[in-house]
Amino acid sequence: MKALQKIIAFIREAYAELKRVTWPSRKEIMGSTLVVFVVVGILMLFIALFDFLLSMIVRMLV
């Protein structure tokens, strides 16, 4: 029974903590998502270019 009381207390505390959270607005989420997409796109291009250059160097050496 003591374990059940601890579980119930934990759930109550977690619920109370979630009420205090400041959730981001839709505009903030959209902005953050856009930043993630742009950064991923830039990294994708950088890695593709680096891969292409390395493969050209290896072909010239082989």
C-alpha atoms as a PDB file:
ATOM      1  CA  MET A   1       0.000   0.000   0.000  1.00  0.00           C
ATOM      2  CA  LYS A   2       2.847   2.392   0.744  1.00  0.00           C
ATOM      3  CA  ALA A   3       4.141   2.015  -2.832  1.00  0.00           C
ATOM      4  CA  LEU A   4       0.710   2.920  -4.201  1.00  0.00           C
ATOM      5  CA  GLN A   5       0.637   6.062  -2.047  1.00  0.00           C
ATOM      6  CA  LYS A   6       4.071   7.057  -3.354  1.00  0.00           C
ATOM      7  CA  ILE A   7       2.918   6.581  -6.939  1.00  0.00           C
ATOM      8  CA  ILE A   8      -0.203   8.676  -6.341  1.00  0.00           C
ATOM      9  CA  ALA A   9       1.867  11.405  -4.661  1.00  0.00           C
ATOM     10  CA  PHE A  10       4.289  11.413  -7.588  1.00  0.00           C
ATOM     11  CA  ILE A  11       1.466  11.756 -10.119  1.00  0.00           C
ATOM     12  CA  ARG A  12      -0.075  14.639  -8.148  1.00  0.00           C
ATOM     13  CA  GLU A  13       3.278  16.441  -7.924  1.00  0.00           C
ATOM     14  CA  ALA A  14       3.969  15.918 -11.613  1.00  0.00           C
ATOM     15  CA  TYR A  15       0.525  17.271 -12.519  1.00  0.00           C
ATOM     16  CA  ALA A  16       1.060  20.330 -10.300  1.00  0.00           C
ATOM     17  CA  GLU A  17       4.447  20.928 -11.918  1.00  0.00           C
ATOM     18  CA  LEU A  18       2.940  20.715 -15.419  1.00  0.00           C
ATOM     19  CA  LYS A  19       0.472  23.450 -14.478  1.00  0.00           C
ATOM     20  CA  ARG A  20       3.436  25.785 -13.792  1.00  0.00           C
ATOM     21  CA  VAL A  21       5.110  25.165 -17.144  1.00  0.00           C
ATOM     22  CA  THR A  22       5.124  28.067 -19.596  1.00  0.00           C
ATOM     23  CA  TRP A  23       4.293  26.430 -22.903  1.00  0.00           C
ATOM     24  CA  PRO A  24       5.578  28.075 -26.121  1.00  0.00           C
ATOM     25  CA  SER A  25       3.108  29.799 -28.400  1.00  0.00           C
ATOM     26  CA  ARG A  26       2.298  28.524 -31.868  1.00  0.00           C
ATOM     27  CA  LYS A  27       4.368  31.364 -33.355  1.00  0.00           C
ATOM     28  CA  GLU A  28       7.418  30.392 -31.260  1.00  0.00           C
ATOM     29  CA  ILE A  29       7.076  26.742 -32.258  1.00  0.00           C
ATOM     30  CA  MET A  30       6.814  27.626 -35.951  1.00  0.00           C
ATOM     31  CA  GLY A  31       9.901  29.859 -35.686  1.00  0.00           C
ATOM     32  CA  SER A  32      11.914  27.175 -33.918  1.00  0.00           C
ATOM     33  CA  THR A  33      10.843  24.584 -36.486  1.00  0.00           C
ATOM     34  CA  LEU A  34      11.922  26.868 -39.317  1.00  0.00           C
ATOM     35  CA  VAL A  35      15.332  27.365 -37.684  1.00  0.00           C
ATOM     36  CA  VAL A  36      15.754  23.592 -37.345  1.00  0.00           C
ATOM     37  CA  PHE A  37      14.874  23.031 -41.021  1.00  0.00           C
ATOM     38  CA  VAL A  38      17.303  25.740 -42.172  1.00  0.00           C
ATOM     39  CA  VAL A  39      20.153  24.391 -40.033  1.00  0.00           C
ATOM     40  CA  VAL A  40      19.503  20.820 -41.194  1.00  0.00           C
ATOM     41  CA  GLY A  41      19.457  22.016 -44.817  1.00  0.00           C
ATOM     42  CA  ILE A  42      22.765  23.865 -44.417  1.00  0.00           C
ATOM     43  CA  LEU A  43      24.387  20.855 -42.731  1.00  0.00           C
ATOM     44  CA  MET A  44      23.016  18.562 -45.444  1.00  0.00           C
ATOM     45  CA  LEU A  45      24.599  20.710 -48.155  1.00  0.00           C
ATOM     46  CA  PHE A  46      27.904  20.914 -46.281  1.00  0.00           C
ATOM     47  CA  ILE A  47      28.084  17.139 -45.781  1.00  0.00           C
ATOM     48  CA  ALA A  48      27.100  16.458 -49.405  1.00  0.00           C
ATOM     49  CA  LEU A  49      29.781  18.852 -50.673  1.00  0.00           C
ATOM     50  CA  PHE A  50      32.400  17.362 -48.339  1.00  0.00           C
ATOM     51  CA  ASP A  51      31.453  13.834 -49.450  1.00  0.00           C
ATOM     52  CA  PHE A  52      31.653  14.822 -53.108  1.00  0.00           C
ATOM     53  CA  LEU A  53      35.075  16.412 -52.677  1.00  0.00           C
ATOM     54  CA  LEU A  54      36.454  13.453 -50.739  1.00  0.00           C
ATOM     55  CA  SER A  55      35.149  10.984 -53.315  1.00  0.00           C
ATOM     56  CA  MET A  56      36.804  13.023 -56.105  1.00  0.00           C
ATOM     57  CA  ILE A  57      40.130  13.004 -54.206  1.00  0.00           C
ATOM     58  CA  VAL A  58      39.923   9.240 -53.642  1.00  0.00           C
ATOM     59  CA  ARG A  59      39.127   8.646 -57.339  1.00  0.00           C
ATOM     60  CA  MET A  60      42.147  10.697 -58.378  1.00  0.00           C
ATOM     61  CA  LEU A  61      44.416   8.752 -56.025  1.00  0.00           C
ATOM     62  CA  VAL A  62      43.139   5.326 -57.077  1.00  0.00           C
END
